[in-house]
Amino acid sequence: MANHPNRAAAPRWPSPAAAEIAAARTAAGLTQREAADLVMSSLRSWEEWEAGRTRMPPVAWAWFSEKAPARGAGA
């Protein structure tokens, strides 16, 4: 299905790299469990994203990026 229109273009919002996910979580001062809860995901999914075994959905990354700084700042 290489000719399918949705497969032709690169994703508009690429998934973050595993190292980027782990670094952002650490910078926010969150455990993997807390980070997973923040984006309403399972701990297992978060572990898989940080390990690079699966890709984090761009919407989850956007949500984490928006919510994590406020959480890390003591909000």
C-alpha atoms as a PDB file:
ATOM      1  CA  MET A   1       0.000   0.000   0.000  1.00  0.00           C
ATOM      2  CA  ALA A   2       2.845   2.372  -0.706  1.00  0.00           C
ATOM      3  CA  ASN A   3       0.548   4.435  -2.896  1.00  0.00           C
ATOM      4  CA  HIS A   4      -1.936   5.137  -0.092  1.00  0.00           C
ATOM      5  CA  PRO A   5      -2.138   8.926   0.491  1.00  0.00           C
ATOM      6  CA  ASN A   6      -1.618   8.617   4.241  1.00  0.00           C
ATOM      7  CA  ARG A   7       1.612   6.651   3.752  1.00  0.00           C
ATOM      8  CA  ALA A   8       3.208   8.989   1.227  1.00  0.00           C
ATOM      9  CA  ALA A   9       3.975  11.902   3.522  1.00  0.00           C
ATOM     10  CA  ALA A  10       6.123  11.928   6.626  1.00  0.00           C
ATOM     11  CA  PRO A  11       4.160  12.375   9.857  1.00  0.00           C
ATOM     12  CA  ARG A  12       3.426  15.986  10.713  1.00  0.00           C
ATOM     13  CA  TRP A  13       4.123  15.384  14.356  1.00  0.00           C
ATOM     14  CA  PRO A  14       6.887  12.844  14.744  1.00  0.00           C
ATOM     15  CA  SER A  15       7.191  10.763  17.866  1.00  0.00           C
ATOM     16  CA  PRO A  16       9.965  11.811  20.262  1.00  0.00           C
ATOM     17  CA  ALA A  17      13.096   9.719  20.652  1.00  0.00           C
ATOM     18  CA  ALA A  18      13.315   7.409  23.671  1.00  0.00           C
ATOM     19  CA  ALA A  19      16.191   9.415  25.173  1.00  0.00           C
ATOM     20  CA  GLU A  20      14.164  12.619  24.816  1.00  0.00           C
ATOM     21  CA  ILE A  21      11.232  11.082  26.684  1.00  0.00           C
ATOM     22  CA  ALA A  22      13.434   9.857  29.532  1.00  0.00           C
ATOM     23  CA  ALA A  23      15.289  13.171  29.774  1.00  0.00           C
ATOM     24  CA  ALA A  24      12.054  15.188  29.898  1.00  0.00           C
ATOM     25  CA  ARG A  25      10.601  12.976  32.609  1.00  0.00           C
ATOM     26  CA  THR A  26      13.772  13.173  34.688  1.00  0.00           C
ATOM     27  CA  ALA A  27      13.957  16.949  34.262  1.00  0.00           C
ATOM     28  CA  ALA A  28      10.367  17.229  35.511  1.00  0.00           C
ATOM     29  CA  GLY A  29      11.288  15.192  38.585  1.00  0.00           C
ATOM     30  CA  LEU A  30       8.720  12.476  37.881  1.00  0.00           C
ATOM     31  CA  THR A  31       8.875   8.713  38.233  1.00  0.00           C
ATOM     32  CA  GLN A  32       7.788   6.604  35.291  1.00  0.00           C
ATOM     33  CA  ARG A  33       4.532   5.838  37.122  1.00  0.00           C
ATOM     34  CA  GLU A  34       3.832   9.550  37.720  1.00  0.00           C
ATOM     35  CA  ALA A  35       4.610  10.410  34.104  1.00  0.00           C
ATOM     36  CA  ALA A  36       2.344   7.629  32.843  1.00  0.00           C
ATOM     37  CA  ASP A  37      -0.462   8.809  35.118  1.00  0.00           C
ATOM     38  CA  LEU A  38       0.019  12.355  33.857  1.00  0.00           C
ATOM     39  CA  VAL A  39      -0.750  11.324  30.276  1.00  0.00           C
ATOM     40  CA  MET A  40      -3.347   8.712  31.318  1.00  0.00           C
ATOM     41  CA  SER A  41      -1.240   5.831  30.093  1.00  0.00           C
ATOM     42  CA  SER A  42      -0.133   2.560  31.623  1.00  0.00           C
ATOM     43  CA  LEU A  43       3.231   2.219  33.296  1.00  0.00           C
ATOM     44  CA  ARG A  44       4.081  -0.533  30.821  1.00  0.00           C
ATOM     45  CA  SER A  45       3.468   1.792  27.867  1.00  0.00           C
ATOM     46  CA  TRP A  46       5.680   4.448  29.411  1.00  0.00           C
ATOM     47  CA  GLU A  47       8.438   1.902  29.990  1.00  0.00           C
ATOM     48  CA  GLU A  48       8.175   0.771  26.366  1.00  0.00           C
ATOM     49  CA  TRP A  49       8.403   4.373  25.114  1.00  0.00           C
ATOM     50  CA  GLU A  50      11.489   5.126  27.203  1.00  0.00           C
ATOM     51  CA  ALA A  51      13.136   1.869  26.130  1.00  0.00           C
ATOM     52  CA  GLY A  52      12.487   2.692  22.469  1.00  0.00           C
ATOM     53  CA  ARG A  53      10.534  -0.510  21.858  1.00  0.00           C
ATOM     54  CA  THR A  54       7.398   1.370  20.831  1.00  0.00           C
ATOM     55  CA  ARG A  55       6.802   4.924  19.682  1.00  0.00           C
ATOM     56  CA  MET A  56       5.058   7.403  21.929  1.00  0.00           C
ATOM     57  CA  PRO A  57       1.958   8.883  20.289  1.00  0.00           C
ATOM     58  CA  PRO A  58       2.626  12.523  19.400  1.00  0.00           C
ATOM     59  CA  VAL A  59      -0.506  13.600  21.270  1.00  0.00           C
ATOM     60  CA  ALA A  60       0.793  11.955  24.472  1.00  0.00           C
ATOM     61  CA  TRP A  61       4.116  13.773  24.027  1.00  0.00           C
ATOM     62  CA  ALA A  62       2.333  17.104  23.509  1.00  0.00           C
ATOM     63  CA  TRP A  63       0.202  16.499  26.588  1.00  0.00           C
ATOM     64  CA  PHE A  64       3.199  15.519  28.704  1.00  0.00           C
ATOM     65  CA  SER A  65       5.176  18.533  27.472  1.00  0.00           C
ATOM     66  CA  GLU A  66       2.321  20.824  28.458  1.00  0.00           C
ATOM     67  CA  LYS A  67       1.564  19.278  31.852  1.00  0.00           C
ATOM     68  CA  ALA A  68       4.985  18.196  33.141  1.00  0.00           C
ATOM     69  CA  PRO A  69       6.592  21.616  33.646  1.00  0.00           C
ATOM     70  CA  ALA A  70       3.708  22.794  35.850  1.00  0.00           C
ATOM     71  CA  ARG A  71       3.930  19.576  37.861  1.00  0.00           C
ATOM     72  CA  GLY A  72       7.691  19.894  38.234  1.00  0.00           C
ATOM     73  CA  ALA A  73       7.326  23.518  39.334  1.00  0.00           C
ATOM     74  CA  GLY A  74       5.264  22.466  42.326  1.00  0.00           C
ATOM     75  CA  ALA A  75       1.810  23.074  40.912  1.00  0.00           C
END
